[in-house]
Amino acid sequence: MKSLYKFLILFISALLAFHPVSLASVRMQAKCLNDKGKMSNCFVENNDGNLIIEFKKKKQSYLNKTIPGNNVTRITGGEFAKRRVGTAVALGILLTPLALFTLFSKKKIENHGIEYTNSKNQPDATLIQVKKKNKWGMKALLQSATSREIEYPEPEEKKKTKK
C-alpha cells in the first residue's frame, strides 16, 4: 500500500513538473457588462498580458474584447467599481431605468471595473462581476494581465454617537 501511495505522489509530481500551471492561461467564468447595460455571461482570460473578454452567447460575439494589459489605466473593485463604470457608461450611452437598477443593485458578487484606452485611443470602461467566492481568482487574473493593483473604496468613518 505504501509503495502505491509513493508511486502516485511521484507520478503526480512528474506530471506537474512537465505541465506547469500559471495565471497566464487561466480562464474564469464571470458576468460582463453588455451594450444594453445588463450583465451577460462571459469568460475572462489572461493570454500573454492581454485581457480577453469573450461573451458566451454567439449573438454577443461582437462585444468580445481583447485589451492589452498596458492599455489598462485603472482597475477598481467593490462598490467603487460600479460607481466608476456607471459614470463612464452613463456618459457614453443613455441607459434604461432597468439597466440602472441592475448596475447599482447590491448582491453577493464582487465587481471589477476596468478603465482602458481602446484601439481608437479613446477612454473606455467595462464591468466584470464574479461571485464573492471567486473574487481572489479574478483579482489575481486581472493583476497578472495588467500589472496594476486593484483600487478599493476607502472604508467610511463610523459616525460618532453621543452617549
N, C-alpha and C. Protein backbone atom coordinates (compact mmCIF):
# COMPACT_ATOMS: atom_id res chain seq x y z
N MET A 1 0.82 -1.19 0.00
CA MET A 1 0.00 0.00 0.00
C MET A 1 0.86 1.26 0.00
N LYS A 2 1.95 1.23 0.81
CA LYS A 2 2.84 2.39 0.87
C LYS A 2 3.53 2.63 -0.47
N SER A 3 3.88 1.54 -1.16
CA SER A 3 4.55 1.70 -2.45
C SER A 3 3.61 2.30 -3.50
N LEU A 4 2.34 1.94 -3.44
CA LEU A 4 1.36 2.52 -4.36
C LEU A 4 1.18 4.01 -4.08
N TYR A 5 1.13 4.35 -2.81
CA TYR A 5 1.00 5.75 -2.40
C TYR A 5 2.20 6.57 -2.89
N LYS A 6 3.41 6.04 -2.72
CA LYS A 6 4.63 6.72 -3.17
C LYS A 6 4.64 6.85 -4.69
N PHE A 7 4.18 5.80 -5.37
CA PHE A 7 4.12 5.85 -6.84
C PHE A 7 3.17 6.94 -7.32
N LEU A 8 2.00 7.05 -6.69
CA LEU A 8 1.04 8.08 -7.08
C LEU A 8 1.60 9.49 -6.85
N ILE A 9 2.24 9.69 -5.72
CA ILE A 9 2.84 11.00 -5.44
C ILE A 9 3.92 11.33 -6.46
N LEU A 10 4.77 10.36 -6.78
CA LEU A 10 5.82 10.55 -7.77
C LEU A 10 5.23 10.83 -9.14
N PHE A 11 4.19 10.10 -9.52
CA PHE A 11 3.55 10.27 -10.82
C PHE A 11 2.91 11.66 -10.95
N ILE A 12 2.19 12.09 -9.93
CA ILE A 12 1.54 13.41 -9.95
C ILE A 12 2.59 14.52 -9.96
N SER A 13 3.65 14.36 -9.19
CA SER A 13 4.73 15.35 -9.17
C SER A 13 5.39 15.48 -10.54
N ALA A 14 5.59 14.35 -11.21
CA ALA A 14 6.19 14.37 -12.55
C ALA A 14 5.27 15.07 -13.54
N LEU A 15 3.98 14.81 -13.44
CA LEU A 15 3.03 15.48 -14.34
C LEU A 15 3.05 16.99 -14.13
N LEU A 16 3.05 17.40 -12.89
CA LEU A 16 3.06 18.84 -12.60
C LEU A 16 4.37 19.50 -13.01
N ALA A 17 5.46 18.77 -12.95
CA ALA A 17 6.75 19.32 -13.34
C ALA A 17 6.81 19.58 -14.85
N PHE A 18 6.19 18.72 -15.63
CA PHE A 18 6.22 18.87 -17.08
C PHE A 18 5.04 19.67 -17.62
N HIS A 19 4.06 19.95 -16.80
CA HIS A 19 2.89 20.72 -17.23
C HIS A 19 2.59 21.78 -16.17
N PRO A 20 3.40 22.84 -16.14
CA PRO A 20 3.19 23.86 -15.10
C PRO A 20 1.91 24.65 -15.35
N VAL A 21 1.25 25.01 -14.28
CA VAL A 21 0.04 25.82 -14.36
C VAL A 21 0.40 27.23 -13.95
N SER A 22 0.03 28.19 -14.77
CA SER A 22 0.32 29.58 -14.43
C SER A 22 -0.92 30.42 -14.67
N LEU A 23 -0.90 31.63 -14.14
CA LEU A 23 -2.02 32.53 -14.34
C LEU A 23 -2.05 33.11 -15.75
N ALA A 24 -1.03 32.79 -16.56
CA ALA A 24 -1.00 33.30 -17.92
C ALA A 24 -2.00 32.58 -18.81
N SER A 25 -2.60 31.49 -18.32
CA SER A 25 -3.54 30.75 -19.16
C SER A 25 -4.85 30.45 -18.43
N VAL A 26 -5.17 31.23 -17.43
CA VAL A 26 -6.38 31.00 -16.65
C VAL A 26 -7.58 31.62 -17.35
N ARG A 27 -8.70 30.90 -17.36
CA ARG A 27 -9.95 31.38 -17.95
C ARG A 27 -11.03 31.24 -16.89
N MET A 28 -11.68 32.36 -16.55
CA MET A 28 -12.68 32.34 -15.50
C MET A 28 -14.05 32.73 -16.06
N GLN A 29 -15.08 32.11 -15.51
CA GLN A 29 -16.44 32.46 -15.89
C GLN A 29 -16.88 33.64 -15.04
N ALA A 30 -17.55 34.60 -15.68
CA ALA A 30 -17.99 35.81 -14.99
C ALA A 30 -19.23 36.35 -15.70
N LYS A 31 -19.64 37.52 -15.28
CA LYS A 31 -20.69 38.27 -15.98
C LYS A 31 -20.08 39.61 -16.35
N CYS A 32 -20.32 40.02 -17.59
CA CYS A 32 -19.73 41.25 -18.11
C CYS A 32 -20.83 42.18 -18.60
N LEU A 33 -20.54 43.45 -18.56
CA LEU A 33 -21.50 44.48 -18.99
C LEU A 33 -21.64 44.45 -20.51
N ASN A 34 -22.89 44.31 -20.99
CA ASN A 34 -23.10 44.32 -22.44
C ASN A 34 -23.52 45.72 -22.90
N ASP A 35 -23.82 45.86 -24.18
CA ASP A 35 -24.15 47.17 -24.74
C ASP A 35 -25.52 47.69 -24.32
N LYS A 36 -26.35 46.86 -23.71
CA LYS A 36 -27.67 47.29 -23.24
C LYS A 36 -27.66 47.68 -21.77
N GLY A 37 -26.48 47.64 -21.14
CA GLY A 37 -26.37 48.00 -19.73
C GLY A 37 -26.71 46.86 -18.79
N LYS A 38 -26.86 45.65 -19.32
CA LYS A 38 -27.16 44.48 -18.49
C LYS A 38 -25.94 43.59 -18.42
N MET A 39 -25.96 42.66 -17.47
CA MET A 39 -24.85 41.74 -17.30
C MET A 39 -25.14 40.45 -18.07
N SER A 40 -24.13 39.97 -18.81
CA SER A 40 -24.26 38.74 -19.59
C SER A 40 -23.12 37.80 -19.23
N ASN A 41 -23.37 36.50 -19.36
CA ASN A 41 -22.34 35.50 -19.07
C ASN A 41 -21.18 35.66 -20.04
N CYS A 42 -19.97 35.57 -19.48
CA CYS A 42 -18.78 35.72 -20.31
C CYS A 42 -17.63 34.95 -19.68
N PHE A 43 -16.53 34.87 -20.41
CA PHE A 43 -15.29 34.31 -19.92
C PHE A 43 -14.25 35.41 -19.93
N VAL A 44 -13.42 35.45 -18.89
CA VAL A 44 -12.33 36.41 -18.81
C VAL A 44 -11.04 35.60 -18.76
N GLU A 45 -10.09 35.99 -19.60
CA GLU A 45 -8.87 35.20 -19.75
C GLU A 45 -7.67 36.12 -19.84
N ASN A 46 -6.55 35.66 -19.31
CA ASN A 46 -5.27 36.35 -19.45
C ASN A 46 -4.45 35.56 -20.44
N ASN A 47 -4.11 36.18 -21.56
CA ASN A 47 -3.32 35.49 -22.58
C ASN A 47 -2.13 36.37 -22.94
N ASP A 48 -0.97 36.06 -22.40
CA ASP A 48 0.28 36.79 -22.67
C ASP A 48 0.15 38.29 -22.43
N GLY A 49 -0.42 38.67 -21.30
CA GLY A 49 -0.53 40.08 -20.96
C GLY A 49 -1.72 40.78 -21.59
N ASN A 50 -2.54 40.06 -22.31
CA ASN A 50 -3.76 40.62 -22.89
C ASN A 50 -4.95 40.10 -22.09
N LEU A 51 -5.86 40.97 -21.76
CA LEU A 51 -7.08 40.60 -21.07
C LEU A 51 -8.14 40.34 -22.13
N ILE A 52 -8.62 39.11 -22.21
CA ILE A 52 -9.59 38.73 -23.23
C ILE A 52 -10.95 38.53 -22.57
N ILE A 53 -11.95 39.25 -23.05
CA ILE A 53 -13.33 39.11 -22.57
C ILE A 53 -14.14 38.53 -23.72
N GLU A 54 -14.67 37.34 -23.49
CA GLU A 54 -15.41 36.62 -24.54
C GLU A 54 -16.80 36.28 -24.02
N PHE A 55 -17.83 36.80 -24.68
CA PHE A 55 -19.20 36.54 -24.27
C PHE A 55 -19.61 35.13 -24.68
N LYS A 56 -20.42 34.49 -23.83
CA LYS A 56 -20.83 33.10 -24.07
C LYS A 56 -21.75 32.96 -25.27
N LYS A 57 -22.73 33.87 -25.40
CA LYS A 57 -23.71 33.77 -26.48
C LYS A 57 -23.08 34.21 -27.80
N LYS A 58 -23.37 33.45 -28.85
CA LYS A 58 -22.85 33.78 -30.18
C LYS A 58 -23.39 35.12 -30.67
N LYS A 59 -24.64 35.46 -30.26
CA LYS A 59 -25.25 36.73 -30.67
C LYS A 59 -24.46 37.92 -30.17
N GLN A 60 -23.75 37.74 -29.06
CA GLN A 60 -23.00 38.84 -28.45
C GLN A 60 -21.51 38.78 -28.77
N SER A 61 -21.13 37.99 -29.75
CA SER A 61 -19.71 37.85 -30.07
C SER A 61 -19.09 39.16 -30.55
N TYR A 62 -19.90 40.07 -31.06
CA TYR A 62 -19.37 41.37 -31.49
C TYR A 62 -18.90 42.21 -30.31
N LEU A 63 -19.28 41.82 -29.09
CA LEU A 63 -18.85 42.53 -27.88
C LEU A 63 -17.53 42.02 -27.32
N ASN A 64 -17.02 40.91 -27.88
CA ASN A 64 -15.76 40.35 -27.40
C ASN A 64 -14.66 41.38 -27.50
N LYS A 65 -13.80 41.41 -26.48
CA LYS A 65 -12.74 42.42 -26.43
C LYS A 65 -11.41 41.75 -26.10
N THR A 66 -10.36 42.29 -26.68
CA THR A 66 -9.00 41.95 -26.28
C THR A 66 -8.36 43.26 -25.87
N ILE A 67 -8.05 43.35 -24.58
CA ILE A 67 -7.50 44.59 -24.03
C ILE A 67 -6.04 44.34 -23.68
N PRO A 68 -5.10 45.01 -24.37
CA PRO A 68 -3.70 44.86 -23.98
C PRO A 68 -3.51 45.35 -22.55
N GLY A 69 -2.76 44.60 -21.76
CA GLY A 69 -2.55 44.94 -20.36
C GLY A 69 -1.98 46.32 -20.14
N ASN A 70 -1.13 46.80 -21.06
CA ASN A 70 -0.54 48.12 -20.88
C ASN A 70 -1.51 49.25 -21.24
N ASN A 71 -2.66 48.94 -21.84
CA ASN A 71 -3.68 49.95 -22.14
C ASN A 71 -4.64 50.17 -20.98
N VAL A 72 -4.58 49.32 -19.96
CA VAL A 72 -5.46 49.46 -18.80
C VAL A 72 -4.93 50.61 -17.95
N THR A 73 -5.80 51.59 -17.69
CA THR A 73 -5.39 52.75 -16.91
C THR A 73 -5.76 52.62 -15.43
N ARG A 74 -6.80 51.84 -15.14
CA ARG A 74 -7.25 51.72 -13.76
C ARG A 74 -8.13 50.49 -13.60
N ILE A 75 -7.98 49.81 -12.46
CA ILE A 75 -8.86 48.70 -12.10
C ILE A 75 -9.42 49.02 -10.72
N THR A 76 -10.74 48.99 -10.62
CA THR A 76 -11.38 49.28 -9.34
C THR A 76 -12.17 48.06 -8.89
N GLY A 77 -12.42 47.97 -7.60
CA GLY A 77 -13.14 46.83 -7.07
C GLY A 77 -14.22 47.25 -6.10
N GLY A 78 -15.15 46.34 -5.83
CA GLY A 78 -16.23 46.60 -4.89
C GLY A 78 -17.26 47.58 -5.43
N GLU A 79 -17.92 48.30 -4.52
CA GLU A 79 -18.94 49.28 -4.91
C GLU A 79 -18.32 50.43 -5.71
N PHE A 80 -17.05 50.70 -5.44
CA PHE A 80 -16.33 51.75 -6.14
C PHE A 80 -16.29 51.47 -7.64
N ALA A 81 -16.15 50.20 -8.00
CA ALA A 81 -16.10 49.81 -9.41
C ALA A 81 -17.41 50.14 -10.11
N LYS A 82 -18.54 49.86 -9.44
CA LYS A 82 -19.84 50.14 -10.06
C LYS A 82 -20.04 51.63 -10.25
N ARG A 83 -19.59 52.44 -9.30
CA ARG A 83 -19.73 53.89 -9.45
C ARG A 83 -18.88 54.40 -10.60
N ARG A 84 -17.62 53.94 -10.69
CA ARG A 84 -16.72 54.41 -11.74
C ARG A 84 -17.22 53.99 -13.12
N VAL A 85 -17.57 52.72 -13.28
CA VAL A 85 -18.04 52.24 -14.58
C VAL A 85 -19.41 52.83 -14.89
N GLY A 86 -20.27 52.97 -13.89
CA GLY A 86 -21.58 53.58 -14.10
C GLY A 86 -21.46 54.99 -14.65
N THR A 87 -20.52 55.74 -14.13
CA THR A 87 -20.28 57.11 -14.63
C THR A 87 -19.80 57.06 -16.07
N ALA A 88 -18.86 56.17 -16.37
CA ALA A 88 -18.32 56.07 -17.72
C ALA A 88 -19.38 55.63 -18.72
N VAL A 89 -20.20 54.66 -18.33
CA VAL A 89 -21.25 54.16 -19.23
C VAL A 89 -22.33 55.22 -19.43
N ALA A 90 -22.72 55.90 -18.36
CA ALA A 90 -23.76 56.92 -18.46
C ALA A 90 -23.32 58.05 -19.38
N LEU A 91 -22.03 58.35 -19.40
CA LEU A 91 -21.54 59.38 -20.31
C LEU A 91 -21.58 58.91 -21.75
N GLY A 92 -21.37 57.61 -21.96
CA GLY A 92 -21.30 57.07 -23.32
C GLY A 92 -22.64 56.79 -23.95
N ILE A 93 -23.57 56.18 -23.18
CA ILE A 93 -24.88 55.81 -23.74
C ILE A 93 -25.97 56.15 -22.73
N LEU A 94 -27.17 56.27 -23.20
CA LEU A 94 -28.31 56.52 -22.33
C LEU A 94 -28.90 55.18 -21.91
N LEU A 95 -28.91 54.94 -20.58
CA LEU A 95 -29.38 53.66 -20.07
C LEU A 95 -30.86 53.70 -19.71
N THR A 96 -31.49 52.55 -19.80
CA THR A 96 -32.88 52.44 -19.37
C THR A 96 -32.91 52.36 -17.84
N PRO A 97 -34.05 52.69 -17.21
CA PRO A 97 -34.13 52.59 -15.74
C PRO A 97 -33.85 51.18 -15.22
N LEU A 98 -34.25 50.15 -15.96
CA LEU A 98 -33.98 48.78 -15.53
C LEU A 98 -32.48 48.50 -15.52
N ALA A 99 -31.78 48.99 -16.53
CA ALA A 99 -30.33 48.79 -16.59
C ALA A 99 -29.64 49.52 -15.45
N LEU A 100 -30.10 50.70 -15.11
CA LEU A 100 -29.51 51.43 -13.98
C LEU A 100 -29.74 50.68 -12.68
N PHE A 101 -30.94 50.11 -12.51
CA PHE A 101 -31.23 49.33 -11.31
C PHE A 101 -30.29 48.13 -11.22
N THR A 102 -30.08 47.45 -12.35
CA THR A 102 -29.18 46.29 -12.39
C THR A 102 -27.76 46.70 -12.05
N LEU A 103 -27.33 47.83 -12.58
CA LEU A 103 -25.97 48.28 -12.38
C LEU A 103 -25.70 48.66 -10.94
N PHE A 104 -26.68 49.22 -10.24
CA PHE A 104 -26.44 49.72 -8.90
C PHE A 104 -27.07 48.87 -7.79
N SER A 105 -27.55 47.68 -8.09
CA SER A 105 -28.12 46.83 -7.06
C SER A 105 -27.01 46.12 -6.29
N LYS A 106 -27.30 45.74 -5.06
CA LYS A 106 -26.30 45.05 -4.23
C LYS A 106 -26.63 43.57 -4.17
N LYS A 107 -25.64 42.74 -4.42
CA LYS A 107 -25.79 41.29 -4.37
C LYS A 107 -24.51 40.71 -3.79
N LYS A 108 -24.48 39.39 -3.65
CA LYS A 108 -23.29 38.72 -3.15
C LYS A 108 -22.33 38.47 -4.31
N ILE A 109 -21.91 39.55 -4.91
CA ILE A 109 -20.99 39.48 -6.04
C ILE A 109 -19.87 40.49 -5.83
N GLU A 110 -18.78 40.25 -6.49
CA GLU A 110 -17.65 41.18 -6.47
C GLU A 110 -17.57 41.84 -7.83
N ASN A 111 -17.46 43.14 -7.84
CA ASN A 111 -17.39 43.91 -9.08
C ASN A 111 -15.96 44.35 -9.34
N HIS A 112 -15.56 44.30 -10.60
CA HIS A 112 -14.25 44.80 -11.00
C HIS A 112 -14.48 45.71 -12.21
N GLY A 113 -14.19 46.98 -12.05
CA GLY A 113 -14.29 47.93 -13.14
C GLY A 113 -12.94 48.09 -13.79
N ILE A 114 -12.91 48.03 -15.11
CA ILE A 114 -11.66 48.16 -15.84
C ILE A 114 -11.78 49.37 -16.76
N GLU A 115 -10.91 50.34 -16.54
CA GLU A 115 -10.84 51.51 -17.40
C GLU A 115 -9.60 51.35 -18.28
N TYR A 116 -9.77 51.57 -19.57
CA TYR A 116 -8.68 51.34 -20.51
C TYR A 116 -8.79 52.28 -21.69
N THR A 117 -7.74 52.31 -22.50
CA THR A 117 -7.73 53.07 -23.74
C THR A 117 -7.96 52.08 -24.87
N ASN A 118 -9.03 52.31 -25.65
CA ASN A 118 -9.36 51.35 -26.72
C ASN A 118 -8.47 51.55 -27.94
N SER A 119 -8.71 50.76 -28.98
CA SER A 119 -7.88 50.80 -30.19
C SER A 119 -7.96 52.13 -30.92
N LYS A 120 -9.01 52.91 -30.67
CA LYS A 120 -9.17 54.23 -31.29
C LYS A 120 -8.55 55.33 -30.42
N ASN A 121 -7.80 54.91 -29.40
CA ASN A 121 -7.14 55.82 -28.46
C ASN A 121 -8.12 56.67 -27.66
N GLN A 122 -9.30 56.12 -27.38
CA GLN A 122 -10.32 56.80 -26.59
C GLN A 122 -10.51 56.04 -25.28
N PRO A 123 -10.84 56.76 -24.20
CA PRO A 123 -11.07 56.06 -22.93
C PRO A 123 -12.34 55.22 -23.00
N ASP A 124 -12.29 54.05 -22.40
CA ASP A 124 -13.42 53.13 -22.39
C ASP A 124 -13.41 52.40 -21.04
N ALA A 125 -14.52 51.75 -20.71
CA ALA A 125 -14.62 51.03 -19.44
C ALA A 125 -15.54 49.84 -19.59
N THR A 126 -15.33 48.85 -18.75
CA THR A 126 -16.21 47.68 -18.70
C THR A 126 -16.29 47.20 -17.25
N LEU A 127 -17.33 46.44 -16.97
CA LEU A 127 -17.56 45.94 -15.63
C LEU A 127 -17.62 44.42 -15.67
N ILE A 128 -16.91 43.78 -14.75
CA ILE A 128 -16.90 42.33 -14.64
C ILE A 128 -17.40 41.96 -13.25
N GLN A 129 -18.33 41.01 -13.18
CA GLN A 129 -18.85 40.55 -11.89
C GLN A 129 -18.54 39.07 -11.73
N VAL A 130 -18.08 38.70 -10.53
CA VAL A 130 -17.88 37.30 -10.18
C VAL A 130 -18.50 37.07 -8.81
N LYS A 131 -18.79 35.83 -8.50
CA LYS A 131 -19.29 35.50 -7.17
C LYS A 131 -18.20 35.80 -6.16
N LYS A 132 -18.62 36.18 -4.94
CA LYS A 132 -17.65 36.54 -3.90
C LYS A 132 -16.63 35.44 -3.66
N LYS A 133 -17.05 34.17 -3.80
CA LYS A 133 -16.11 33.08 -3.55
C LYS A 133 -15.01 33.01 -4.61
N ASN A 134 -15.20 33.64 -5.77
CA ASN A 134 -14.21 33.62 -6.85
C ASN A 134 -13.45 34.93 -6.98
N LYS A 135 -13.63 35.85 -6.02
CA LYS A 135 -13.04 37.18 -6.17
C LYS A 135 -11.52 37.15 -6.15
N TRP A 136 -10.91 36.27 -5.37
CA TRP A 136 -9.45 36.25 -5.29
C TRP A 136 -8.84 35.73 -6.59
N GLY A 137 -9.49 34.77 -7.23
CA GLY A 137 -9.00 34.28 -8.51
C GLY A 137 -9.07 35.35 -9.58
N MET A 138 -10.17 36.09 -9.62
CA MET A 138 -10.31 37.17 -10.60
C MET A 138 -9.31 38.29 -10.31
N LYS A 139 -9.11 38.58 -9.03
CA LYS A 139 -8.15 39.62 -8.67
C LYS A 139 -6.75 39.24 -9.16
N ALA A 140 -6.35 37.99 -8.94
CA ALA A 140 -5.04 37.52 -9.40
C ALA A 140 -4.94 37.55 -10.92
N LEU A 141 -6.01 37.16 -11.60
CA LEU A 141 -6.02 37.16 -13.06
C LEU A 141 -5.85 38.58 -13.60
N LEU A 142 -6.62 39.53 -13.07
CA LEU A 142 -6.54 40.92 -13.54
C LEU A 142 -5.18 41.53 -13.25
N GLN A 143 -4.64 41.25 -12.07
CA GLN A 143 -3.34 41.82 -11.72
C GLN A 143 -2.22 41.21 -12.56
N SER A 144 -2.31 39.93 -12.87
CA SER A 144 -1.27 39.32 -13.69
C SER A 144 -1.34 39.78 -15.15
N ALA A 145 -2.53 40.09 -15.64
CA ALA A 145 -2.68 40.54 -17.03
C ALA A 145 -2.25 42.00 -17.20
N THR A 146 -2.45 42.80 -16.16
CA THR A 146 -2.24 44.24 -16.31
C THR A 146 -1.09 44.81 -15.48
N SER A 147 -0.59 44.06 -14.53
CA SER A 147 0.45 44.54 -13.59
C SER A 147 0.00 45.77 -12.82
N ARG A 148 -1.28 45.88 -12.56
CA ARG A 148 -1.83 47.00 -11.79
C ARG A 148 -2.52 46.48 -10.55
N GLU A 149 -2.48 47.29 -9.51
CA GLU A 149 -3.19 46.97 -8.28
C GLU A 149 -4.66 47.35 -8.44
N ILE A 150 -5.54 46.62 -7.78
CA ILE A 150 -6.97 46.93 -7.81
C ILE A 150 -7.26 47.93 -6.71
N GLU A 151 -7.92 49.02 -7.06
CA GLU A 151 -8.27 50.06 -6.11
C GLU A 151 -9.63 49.74 -5.48
N TYR A 152 -9.67 49.76 -4.17
CA TYR A 152 -10.91 49.54 -3.43
C TYR A 152 -11.29 50.82 -2.72
N PRO A 153 -12.59 51.01 -2.43
CA PRO A 153 -13.01 52.26 -1.77
C PRO A 153 -12.45 52.33 -0.36
N GLU A 154 -12.24 53.56 0.07
CA GLU A 154 -11.82 53.77 1.45
C GLU A 154 -12.97 53.41 2.36
N PRO A 155 -12.71 52.73 3.48
CA PRO A 155 -13.82 52.44 4.41
C PRO A 155 -14.32 53.75 5.02
N GLU A 156 -15.64 53.86 5.05
CA GLU A 156 -16.22 55.08 5.60
C GLU A 156 -16.01 55.13 7.10
N GLU A 157 -15.75 56.36 7.59
CA GLU A 157 -15.56 56.51 9.01
C GLU A 157 -16.90 56.29 9.71
N LYS A 158 -16.84 55.59 10.83
CA LYS A 158 -18.06 55.33 11.58
C LYS A 158 -18.50 56.63 12.25
N LYS A 159 -19.79 56.85 12.21
CA LYS A 159 -20.33 58.06 12.83
C LYS A 159 -20.18 57.99 14.34
N LYS A 160 -19.76 59.09 14.89
CA LYS A 160 -19.61 59.14 16.34
C LYS A 160 -20.96 59.39 16.97
N THR A 161 -21.28 58.60 17.92
CA THR A 161 -22.57 58.76 18.61
C THR A 161 -22.33 59.31 20.01
N LYS A 162 -23.25 60.15 20.43
CA LYS A 162 -23.15 60.72 21.78
C LYS A 162 -23.78 59.76 22.76
N LYS A 163 -23.16 59.69 23.94
CA LYS A 163 -23.67 58.80 24.97
C LYS A 163 -24.70 59.49 25.81
